[in-house]
């Protein structure tokens, strides 16, 4: 089984604002996600490349210190 976790599920709303780094860390550490999904703000919308870069940077730092 492989777990794919979306950092910003479209059918929910966060109770508080959190950084993408916090969300990614929680998905991987607590949720045991094998991969993180970064999608657009809505169905058919493009991915915000700034968010994609931040998530990629967070993942690279996690790999470096793991």
PDB file of N, CA and C in Angstrom:
ATOM      1  N   UNK A   1       0.838  -1.161   0.000  1.00  0.00           N
ATOM      2  CA  UNK A   1       0.000   0.000   0.000  1.00  0.00           C
ATOM      3  C   UNK A   1       0.892   1.236   0.000  1.00  0.00           C
ATOM      4  N   UNK A   2       0.488   2.225  -0.758  1.00  0.00           N
ATOM      5  CA  UNK A   2       1.193   3.504  -0.831  1.00  0.00           C
ATOM      6  C   UNK A   2       0.221   4.602  -0.410  1.00  0.00           C
ATOM      7  N   UNK A   3       0.676   5.523   0.430  1.00  0.00           N
ATOM      8  CA  UNK A   3      -0.168   6.625   0.877  1.00  0.00           C
ATOM      9  C   UNK A   3       0.249   7.896   0.156  1.00  0.00           C
ATOM     10  N   UNK A   4      -0.704   8.490  -0.579  1.00  0.00           N
ATOM     11  CA  UNK A   4      -0.520   9.779  -1.233  1.00  0.00           C
ATOM     12  C   UNK A   4      -1.356  10.796  -0.456  1.00  0.00           C
ATOM     13  N   UNK A   5      -0.737  11.863   0.009  1.00  0.00           N
ATOM     14  CA  UNK A   5      -1.443  12.839   0.836  1.00  0.00           C
ATOM     15  C   UNK A   5      -1.402  14.218   0.190  1.00  0.00           C
ATOM     16  N   UNK A   6      -2.569  14.824   0.049  1.00  0.00           N
ATOM     17  CA  UNK A   6      -2.695  16.158  -0.552  1.00  0.00           C
ATOM     18  C   UNK A   6      -2.495  17.215   0.532  1.00  0.00           C
ATOM     19  N   UNK A   7      -1.663  18.214   0.263  1.00  0.00           N
ATOM     20  CA  UNK A   7      -1.398  19.245   1.268  1.00  0.00           C
ATOM     21  C   UNK A   7      -2.561  20.211   1.444  1.00  0.00           C
ATOM     22  N   UNK A   8      -3.503  20.235   0.497  1.00  0.00           N
ATOM     23  CA  UNK A   8      -4.591  21.204   0.572  1.00  0.00           C
ATOM     24  C   UNK A   8      -5.862  20.590  -0.013  1.00  0.00           C
ATOM     25  N   UNK A   9      -6.487  19.705   0.755  1.00  0.00           N
ATOM     26  CA  UNK A   9      -7.686  19.026   0.292  1.00  0.00           C
ATOM     27  C   UNK A   9      -8.774  20.053   0.005  1.00  0.00           C
ATOM     28  N   UNK A  10      -9.412  19.937  -1.132  1.00  0.00           N
ATOM     29  CA  UNK A  10     -10.374  20.943  -1.584  1.00  0.00           C
ATOM     30  C   UNK A  10     -11.688  20.956  -0.800  1.00  0.00           C
ATOM     31  N   UNK A  11     -12.044  19.856  -0.159  1.00  0.00           N
ATOM     32  CA  UNK A  11     -13.324  19.779   0.545  1.00  0.00           C
ATOM     33  C   UNK A  11     -13.201  20.108   2.028  1.00  0.00           C
ATOM     34  N   UNK A  12     -12.116  20.732   2.407  1.00  0.00           N
ATOM     35  CA  UNK A  12     -11.932  21.072   3.814  1.00  0.00           C
ATOM     36  C   UNK A  12     -11.359  22.480   3.932  1.00  0.00           C
ATOM     37  N   UNK A  13     -11.361  22.983   5.149  1.00  0.00           N
ATOM     38  CA  UNK A  13     -10.776  24.299   5.417  1.00  0.00           C
ATOM     39  C   UNK A  13      -9.985  24.201   6.714  1.00  0.00           C
ATOM     40  N   UNK A  14      -8.781  24.760   6.741  1.00  0.00           N
ATOM     41  CA  UNK A  14      -7.978  24.680   7.967  1.00  0.00           C
ATOM     42  C   UNK A  14      -8.582  25.534   9.080  1.00  0.00           C
ATOM     43  N   UNK A  15      -8.448  25.080  10.320  1.00  0.00           N
ATOM     44  CA  UNK A  15      -8.907  25.863  11.460  1.00  0.00           C
ATOM     45  C   UNK A  15      -7.957  27.018  11.732  1.00  0.00           C
ATOM     46  N   UNK A  16      -6.686  26.803  11.452  1.00  0.00           N
ATOM     47  CA  UNK A  16      -5.662  27.851  11.586  1.00  0.00           C
ATOM     48  C   UNK A  16      -4.733  27.770  10.385  1.00  0.00           C
ATOM     49  N   UNK A  17      -4.113  28.871  10.068  1.00  0.00           N
ATOM     50  CA  UNK A  17      -3.143  28.894   8.969  1.00  0.00           C
ATOM     51  C   UNK A  17      -1.850  28.239   9.438  1.00  0.00           C
ATOM     52  N   UNK A  18      -1.288  27.390   8.589  1.00  0.00           N
ATOM     53  CA  UNK A  18      -0.007  26.746   8.872  1.00  0.00           C
ATOM     54  C   UNK A  18       0.852  26.828   7.625  1.00  0.00           C
ATOM     55  N   UNK A  19       2.149  26.849   7.830  1.00  0.00           N
ATOM     56  CA  UNK A  19       3.065  26.911   6.688  1.00  0.00           C
ATOM     57  C   UNK A  19       3.032  25.581   5.940  1.00  0.00           C
ATOM     58  N   UNK A  20       3.442  25.630   4.680  1.00  0.00           N
ATOM     59  CA  UNK A  20       3.501  24.399   3.892  1.00  0.00           C
ATOM     60  C   UNK A  20       4.503  23.425   4.491  1.00  0.00           C
ATOM     61  N   UNK A  21       5.581  23.948   5.069  1.00  0.00           N
ATOM     62  CA  UNK A  21       6.578  23.085   5.701  1.00  0.00           C
ATOM     63  C   UNK A  21       5.965  22.306   6.859  1.00  0.00           C
ATOM     64  N   UNK A  22       5.131  22.961   7.666  1.00  0.00           N
ATOM     65  CA  UNK A  22       4.467  22.276   8.773  1.00  0.00           C
ATOM     66  C   UNK A  22       3.535  21.184   8.269  1.00  0.00           C
ATOM     67  N   UNK A  23       2.766  21.507   7.234  1.00  0.00           N
ATOM     68  CA  UNK A  23       1.811  20.548   6.686  1.00  0.00           C
ATOM     69  C   UNK A  23       2.541  19.334   6.111  1.00  0.00           C
ATOM     70  N   UNK A  24       3.597  19.578   5.346  1.00  0.00           N
ATOM     71  CA  UNK A  24       4.358  18.477   4.751  1.00  0.00           C
ATOM     72  C   UNK A  24       4.969  17.606   5.845  1.00  0.00           C
ATOM     73  N   UNK A  25       5.570  18.221   6.836  1.00  0.00           N
ATOM     74  CA  UNK A  25       6.180  17.458   7.929  1.00  0.00           C
ATOM     75  C   UNK A  25       5.145  16.594   8.633  1.00  0.00           C
ATOM     76  N   UNK A  26       3.968  17.150   8.886  1.00  0.00           N
ATOM     77  CA  UNK A  26       2.922  16.386   9.562  1.00  0.00           C
ATOM     78  C   UNK A  26       2.423  15.230   8.697  1.00  0.00           C
ATOM     79  N   UNK A  27       2.252  15.473   7.409  1.00  0.00           N
ATOM     80  CA  UNK A  27       1.790  14.407   6.521  1.00  0.00           C
ATOM     81  C   UNK A  27       2.778  13.251   6.462  1.00  0.00           C
ATOM     82  N   UNK A  28       4.063  13.589   6.438  1.00  0.00           N
ATOM     83  CA  UNK A  28       5.089  12.552   6.318  1.00  0.00           C
ATOM     84  C   UNK A  28       5.361  11.881   7.662  1.00  0.00           C
ATOM     85  N   UNK A  29       5.499  12.666   8.716  1.00  0.00           N
ATOM     86  CA  UNK A  29       5.863  12.103  10.012  1.00  0.00           C
ATOM     87  C   UNK A  29       4.677  11.446  10.714  1.00  0.00           C
ATOM     88  N   UNK A  30       3.586  12.173  10.866  1.00  0.00           N
ATOM     89  CA  UNK A  30       2.431  11.623  11.578  1.00  0.00           C
ATOM     90  C   UNK A  30       1.557  10.772  10.680  1.00  0.00           C
ATOM     91  N   UNK A  31       1.353  11.237   9.434  1.00  0.00           N
ATOM     92  CA  UNK A  31       0.477  10.517   8.524  1.00  0.00           C
ATOM     93  C   UNK A  31       1.162   9.388   7.780  1.00  0.00           C
ATOM     94  N   UNK A  32       2.502   9.347   7.882  1.00  0.00           N
ATOM     95  CA  UNK A  32       3.298   8.301   7.217  1.00  0.00           C
ATOM     96  C   UNK A  32       3.084   8.276   5.711  1.00  0.00           C
ATOM     97  N   UNK A  33       2.869   9.453   5.114  1.00  0.00           N
ATOM     98  CA  UNK A  33       2.660   9.548   3.665  1.00  0.00           C
ATOM     99  C   UNK A  33       3.926   9.136   2.923  1.00  0.00           C
ATOM    100  N   UNK A  34       3.735   8.393   1.847  1.00  0.00           N
ATOM    101  CA  UNK A  34       4.845   8.003   0.986  1.00  0.00           C
ATOM    102  C   UNK A  34       5.158   9.092  -0.031  1.00  0.00           C
ATOM    103  N   UNK A  35       4.139   9.884  -0.351  1.00  0.00           N
ATOM    104  CA  UNK A  35       4.300  10.982  -1.314  1.00  0.00           C
ATOM    105  C   UNK A  35       3.322  12.088  -0.963  1.00  0.00           C
ATOM    106  N   UNK A  36       3.689  13.310  -1.309  1.00  0.00           N
ATOM    107  CA  UNK A  36       2.850  14.469  -1.049  1.00  0.00           C
ATOM    108  C   UNK A  36       2.333  14.998  -2.380  1.00  0.00           C
ATOM    109  N   UNK A  37       1.037  15.245  -2.444  1.00  0.00           N
ATOM    110  CA  UNK A  37       0.388  15.747  -3.656  1.00  0.00           C
ATOM    111  C   UNK A  37       0.203  17.257  -3.522  1.00  0.00           C
ATOM    112  N   UNK A  38       0.606  17.981  -4.556  1.00  0.00           N
ATOM    113  CA  UNK A  38       0.385  19.424  -4.608  1.00  0.00           C
ATOM    114  C   UNK A  38      -0.503  19.672  -5.817  1.00  0.00           C
ATOM    115  N   UNK A  39      -1.701  20.195  -5.564  1.00  0.00           N
ATOM    116  CA  UNK A  39      -2.648  20.424  -6.656  1.00  0.00           C
ATOM    117  C   UNK A  39      -3.093  21.879  -6.660  1.00  0.00           C
ATOM    118  N   UNK A  40      -3.864  22.230  -7.673  1.00  0.00           N
ATOM    119  CA  UNK A  40      -4.353  23.600  -7.804  1.00  0.00           C
ATOM    120  C   UNK A  40      -5.436  23.915  -6.790  1.00  0.00           C
ATOM    121  N   UNK A  41      -5.868  25.174  -6.765  1.00  0.00           N
ATOM    122  CA  UNK A  41      -6.862  25.631  -5.793  1.00  0.00           C
ATOM    123  C   UNK A  41      -8.237  25.014  -6.026  1.00  0.00           C
ATOM    124  N   UNK A  42      -8.479  24.539  -7.218  1.00  0.00           N
ATOM    125  CA  UNK A  42      -9.761  23.916  -7.535  1.00  0.00           C
ATOM    126  C   UNK A  42      -9.592  22.947  -8.685  1.00  0.00           C
ATOM    127  N   UNK A  43     -10.629  22.188  -8.940  1.00  0.00           N
ATOM    128  CA  UNK A  43     -10.582  21.214 -10.018  1.00  0.00           C
ATOM    129  C   UNK A  43     -10.264  21.893 -11.342  1.00  0.00           C
ATOM    130  N   UNK A  44      -9.240  21.401 -12.013  1.00  0.00           N
ATOM    131  CA  UNK A  44      -8.853  21.944 -13.312  1.00  0.00           C
ATOM    132  C   UNK A  44      -7.971  23.173 -13.253  1.00  0.00           C
ATOM    133  N   UNK A  45      -7.679  23.676 -12.055  1.00  0.00           N
ATOM    134  CA  UNK A  45      -6.830  24.865 -11.922  1.00  0.00           C
ATOM    135  C   UNK A  45      -5.365  24.461 -11.810  1.00  0.00           C
ATOM    136  N   UNK A  46      -4.516  25.307 -12.323  1.00  0.00           N
ATOM    137  CA  UNK A  46      -3.073  25.039 -12.319  1.00  0.00           C
ATOM    138  C   UNK A  46      -2.507  25.101 -10.898  1.00  0.00           C
ATOM    139  N   UNK A  47      -1.412  24.392 -10.712  1.00  0.00           N
ATOM    140  CA  UNK A  47      -0.702  24.413  -9.435  1.00  0.00           C
ATOM    141  C   UNK A  47       0.033  25.739  -9.297  1.00  0.00           C
ATOM    142  N   UNK A  48      -0.013  26.314  -8.099  1.00  0.00           N
ATOM    143  CA  UNK A  48       0.757  27.522  -7.797  1.00  0.00           C
ATOM    144  C   UNK A  48       2.222  27.089  -7.708  1.00  0.00           C
ATOM    145  N   UNK A  49       3.038  27.541  -8.643  1.00  0.00           N
ATOM    146  CA  UNK A  49       4.434  27.085  -8.685  1.00  0.00           C
ATOM    147  C   UNK A  49       5.224  27.492  -7.448  1.00  0.00           C
ATOM    148  N   UNK A  50       4.834  28.580  -6.801  1.00  0.00           N
ATOM    149  CA  UNK A  50       5.510  28.990  -5.568  1.00  0.00           C
ATOM    150  C   UNK A  50       5.290  27.941  -4.482  1.00  0.00           C
ATOM    151  N   UNK A  51       4.058  27.455  -4.369  1.00  0.00           N
ATOM    152  CA  UNK A  51       3.746  26.409  -3.385  1.00  0.00           C
ATOM    153  C   UNK A  51       4.505  25.140  -3.738  1.00  0.00           C
ATOM    154  N   UNK A  52       4.517  24.788  -4.999  1.00  0.00           N
ATOM    155  CA  UNK A  52       5.216  23.587  -5.444  1.00  0.00           C
ATOM    156  C   UNK A  52       6.705  23.662  -5.090  1.00  0.00           C
ATOM    157  N   UNK A  53       7.317  24.815  -5.317  1.00  0.00           N
ATOM    158  CA  UNK A  53       8.734  24.996  -4.989  1.00  0.00           C
ATOM    159  C   UNK A  53       8.966  24.891  -3.487  1.00  0.00           C
ATOM    160  N   UNK A  54       8.080  25.489  -2.686  1.00  0.00           N
ATOM    161  CA  UNK A  54       8.231  25.428  -1.224  1.00  0.00           C
ATOM    162  C   UNK A  54       8.145  23.992  -0.728  1.00  0.00           C
ATOM    163  N   UNK A  55       7.185  23.250  -1.258  1.00  0.00           N
ATOM    164  CA  UNK A  55       7.044  21.857  -0.845  1.00  0.00           C
ATOM    165  C   UNK A  55       8.277  21.060  -1.262  1.00  0.00           C
ATOM    166  N   UNK A  56       8.771  21.296  -2.469  1.00  0.00           N
ATOM    167  CA  UNK A  56       9.984  20.618  -2.930  1.00  0.00           C
ATOM    168  C   UNK A  56      11.180  20.957  -2.063  1.00  0.00           C
ATOM    169  N   UNK A  57      11.310  22.236  -1.683  1.00  0.00           N
ATOM    170  CA  UNK A  57      12.410  22.647  -0.808  1.00  0.00           C
ATOM    171  C   UNK A  57      12.306  21.984   0.557  1.00  0.00           C
ATOM    172  N   UNK A  58      11.100  21.912   1.094  1.00  0.00           N
ATOM    173  CA  UNK A  58      10.885  21.267   2.391  1.00  0.00           C
ATOM    174  C   UNK A  58      11.269  19.806   2.311  1.00  0.00           C
ATOM    175  N   UNK A  59      10.865  19.136   1.245  1.00  0.00           N
ATOM    176  CA  UNK A  59      11.188  17.723   1.075  1.00  0.00           C
ATOM    177  C   UNK A  59      12.710  17.538   0.965  1.00  0.00           C
ATOM    178  N   UNK A  60      13.368  18.392   0.211  1.00  0.00           N
ATOM    179  CA  UNK A  60      14.825  18.281   0.051  1.00  0.00           C
ATOM    180  C   UNK A  60      15.527  18.445   1.386  1.00  0.00           C
ATOM    181  N   UNK A  61      15.084  19.410   2.212  1.00  0.00           N
ATOM    182  CA  UNK A  61      15.694  19.604   3.528  1.00  0.00           C
ATOM    183  C   UNK A  61      15.447  18.399   4.418  1.00  0.00           C
ATOM    184  N   UNK A  62      14.260  17.816   4.362  1.00  0.00           N
ATOM    185  CA  UNK A  62      13.933  16.638   5.182  1.00  0.00           C
ATOM    186  C   UNK A  62      14.843  15.469   4.782  1.00  0.00           C
ATOM    187  N   UNK A  63      15.071  15.296   3.489  1.00  0.00           N
ATOM    188  CA  UNK A  63      15.920  14.201   3.014  1.00  0.00           C
ATOM    189  C   UNK A  63      17.359  14.408   3.469  1.00  0.00           C
ATOM    190  N   UNK A  64      17.797  15.647   3.472  1.00  0.00           N
ATOM    191  CA  UNK A  64      19.175  15.962   3.843  1.00  0.00           C
ATOM    192  C   UNK A  64      19.450  15.621   5.311  1.00  0.00           C
ATOM    193  N   UNK A  65      18.451  15.838   6.183  1.00  0.00           N
ATOM    194  CA  UNK A  65      18.659  15.646   7.622  1.00  0.00           C
ATOM    195  C   UNK A  65      18.103  14.332   8.138  1.00  0.00           C
ATOM    196  N   UNK A  66      17.533  13.521   7.282  1.00  0.00           N
ATOM    197  CA  UNK A  66      16.970  12.237   7.741  1.00  0.00           C
ATOM    198  C   UNK A  66      18.052  11.207   7.916  1.00  0.00           C
TER     199      UNK A  66
END
